[in-house]
C-alpha atoms as a PDB file:
ATOM      1  CA  MET A   1     -24.272  38.745  24.463  1.00  0.00           C
ATOM      2  CA  ARG A   2     -22.497  35.769  23.048  1.00  0.00           C
ATOM      3  CA  PHE A   3     -19.165  36.148  21.223  1.00  0.00           C
ATOM      4  CA  ARG A   4     -19.143  34.387  17.909  1.00  0.00           C
ATOM      5  CA  PRO A   5     -15.786  34.381  16.070  1.00  0.00           C
ATOM      6  CA  ASN A   6     -15.936  34.793  12.243  1.00  0.00           C
ATOM      7  CA  MET A   7     -14.345  31.269  11.578  1.00  0.00           C
ATOM      8  CA  ALA A   8     -14.457  31.869   7.654  1.00  0.00           C
ATOM      9  CA  GLY A   9     -12.471  35.025   8.171  1.00  0.00           C
ATOM     10  CA  ILE A  10     -10.059  33.376  10.636  1.00  0.00           C
ATOM     11  CA  ARG A  11      -9.529  30.521   8.136  1.00  0.00           C
ATOM     12  CA  SER A  12      -8.950  32.872   5.231  1.00  0.00           C
ATOM     13  CA  LEU A  13      -6.394  34.768   7.306  1.00  0.00           C
ATOM     14  CA  MET A  14      -4.496  31.557   8.204  1.00  0.00           C
ATOM     15  CA  LYS A  15      -3.849  30.976   4.523  1.00  0.00           C
ATOM     16  CA  THR A  16      -2.501  34.441   3.534  1.00  0.00           C
ATOM     17  CA  VAL A  17       1.039  35.018   2.337  1.00  0.00           C
ATOM     18  CA  GLU A  18       1.677  37.173   5.421  1.00  0.00           C
ATOM     19  CA  ALA A  19       0.648  34.414   7.746  1.00  0.00           C
ATOM     20  CA  GLY A  20       2.987  32.012   5.793  1.00  0.00           C
ATOM     21  CA  ARG A  21       6.009  34.436   6.207  1.00  0.00           C
ATOM     22  CA  GLU A  22       5.290  34.643   9.852  1.00  0.00           C
ATOM     23  CA  VAL A  23       5.121  30.790  10.338  1.00  0.00           C
ATOM     24  CA  GLU A  24       8.415  30.581   8.339  1.00  0.00           C
ATOM     25  CA  ARG A  25      10.032  33.276  10.400  1.00  0.00           C
ATOM     26  CA  ILE A  26       9.134  31.548  13.628  1.00  0.00           C
ATOM     27  CA  ALA A  27      10.326  28.147  12.343  1.00  0.00           C
ATOM     28  CA  ALA A  28      13.674  29.694  11.233  1.00  0.00           C
ATOM     29  CA  ARG A  29      14.225  31.308  14.576  1.00  0.00           C
ATOM     30  CA  ILE A  30      13.572  28.075  16.435  1.00  0.00           C
ATOM     31  CA  ALA A  31      16.070  26.289  14.158  1.00  0.00           C
ATOM     32  CA  SER A  32      18.670  29.005  14.682  1.00  0.00           C
ATOM     33  CA  THR A  33      18.279  28.955  18.501  1.00  0.00           C
ATOM     34  CA  ALA A  34      18.564  25.106  18.502  1.00  0.00           C
ATOM     35  CA  GLU A  35      21.739  25.234  16.344  1.00  0.00           C
ATOM     36  CA  SER A  36      23.379  27.821  18.553  1.00  0.00           C
ATOM     37  CA  ALA A  37      22.626  25.807  21.590  1.00  0.00           C
ATOM     38  CA  THR A  38      24.049  22.519  20.280  1.00  0.00           C
ATOM     39  CA  GLY A  39      26.270  23.288  17.262  1.00  0.00           C
ATOM     40  CA  GLY A  40      24.010  20.702  15.351  1.00  0.00           C
ATOM     41  CA  GLU A  41      22.230  21.346  12.055  1.00  0.00           C
ATOM     42  CA  PHE A  42      18.512  22.098  11.996  1.00  0.00           C
ATOM     43  CA  ARG A  43      16.444  22.863   8.997  1.00  0.00           C
ATOM     44  CA  THR A  44      13.100  24.065   8.418  1.00  0.00           C
ATOM     45  CA  ASP A  45      10.270  23.065   5.899  1.00  0.00           C
ATOM     46  CA  SER A  46       6.792  24.882   5.597  1.00  0.00           C
ATOM     47  CA  ALA A  47       3.868  24.443   3.358  1.00  0.00           C
ATOM     48  CA  LEU A  48       0.248  25.665   2.871  1.00  0.00           C
ATOM     49  CA  GLY A  49      -1.957  22.892   3.955  1.00  0.00           C
ATOM     50  CA  SER A  50      -5.721  22.521   3.285  1.00  0.00           C
ATOM     51  CA  ARG A  51      -6.493  24.813   6.421  1.00  0.00           C
ATOM     52  CA  ARG A  52      -3.455  26.688   7.255  1.00  0.00           C
ATOM     53  CA  TRP A  53       0.188  27.281   6.854  1.00  0.00           C
ATOM     54  CA  ARG A  54       2.447  24.647   8.769  1.00  0.00           C
ATOM     55  CA  ALA A  55       6.108  24.438   9.474  1.00  0.00           C
ATOM     56  CA  ALA A  56       8.517  21.935  10.812  1.00  0.00           C
ATOM     57  CA  VAL A  57      11.987  22.198  12.293  1.00  0.00           C
ATOM     58  CA  ILE A  58      14.023  19.053  11.608  1.00  0.00           C
ATOM     59  CA  GLY A  59      17.101  18.135  13.693  1.00  0.00           C
ATOM     60  CA  ASN A  60      20.167  16.343  12.403  1.00  0.00           C
ATOM     61  CA  TYR A  61      19.808  13.265  14.425  1.00  0.00           C
ATOM     62  CA  GLN A  62      22.849  11.616  12.807  1.00  0.00           C
ATOM     63  CA  LYS A  63      25.102  14.319  14.029  1.00  0.00           C
ATOM     64  CA  HIS A  64      23.875  14.100  17.650  1.00  0.00           C
ATOM     65  CA  ASN A  65      23.664  10.315  17.372  1.00  0.00           C
ATOM     66  CA  ASP A  66      20.873  10.655  19.851  1.00  0.00           C
ATOM     67  CA  ALA A  67      17.335  11.419  19.066  1.00  0.00           C
ATOM     68  CA  GLU A  68      16.612  12.491  22.539  1.00  0.00           C
ATOM     69  CA  GLY A  69      19.446  14.905  22.545  1.00  0.00           C
ATOM     70  CA  ALA A  70      18.177  16.398  19.320  1.00  0.00           C
ATOM     71  CA  ARG A  71      14.663  16.616  20.653  1.00  0.00           C
ATOM     72  CA  SER A  72      15.826  18.544  23.882  1.00  0.00           C
ATOM     73  CA  ALA A  73      17.889  20.901  21.676  1.00  0.00           C
ATOM     74  CA  LEU A  74      14.835  21.571  19.673  1.00  0.00           C
ATOM     75  CA  LEU A  75      12.599  22.218  22.690  1.00  0.00           C
ATOM     76  CA  ARG A  76      15.342  24.550  24.093  1.00  0.00           C
ATOM     77  CA  GLY A  77      15.170  26.343  20.775  1.00  0.00           C
ATOM     78  CA  MET A  78      11.430  26.679  20.989  1.00  0.00           C
ATOM     79  CA  ASP A  79      11.864  28.136  24.420  1.00  0.00           C
ATOM     80  CA  GLY A  80      14.381  30.716  23.303  1.00  0.00           C
ATOM     81  CA  ALA A  81      12.329  31.565  20.200  1.00  0.00           C
ATOM     82  CA  GLY A  82       9.365  32.519  22.379  1.00  0.00           C
ATOM     83  CA  SER A  83      11.218  34.770  24.724  1.00  0.00           C
ATOM     84  CA  ASP A  84      10.473  38.074  23.096  1.00  0.00           C
END
C-alpha cells in the first residue's frame, strides 16, 4: 500500500485563516524572544501568498550597527520559540 497525501486538501489548509493566525503567532514569538535576548527591536510581517501563509521577522540592523549581530539574535529567537 502506498501513501498518497491529499495535496489539494493540504494546500487549502495552508491558506486558511487559522493557519495564518498560527504563522503570525510563531513569528511574533520569535520576534519577542529575539528582542529579549538583545534589547533590539524586531517586527513581523505576514501575508497570504499564492500557495500558503508566509511571515518574516525583521531585525533593527541600525540599532545593532551589525547585521551579523542581528542575524545571530534572530537565530537565538528562533531556537527559543521552538523550545515548547
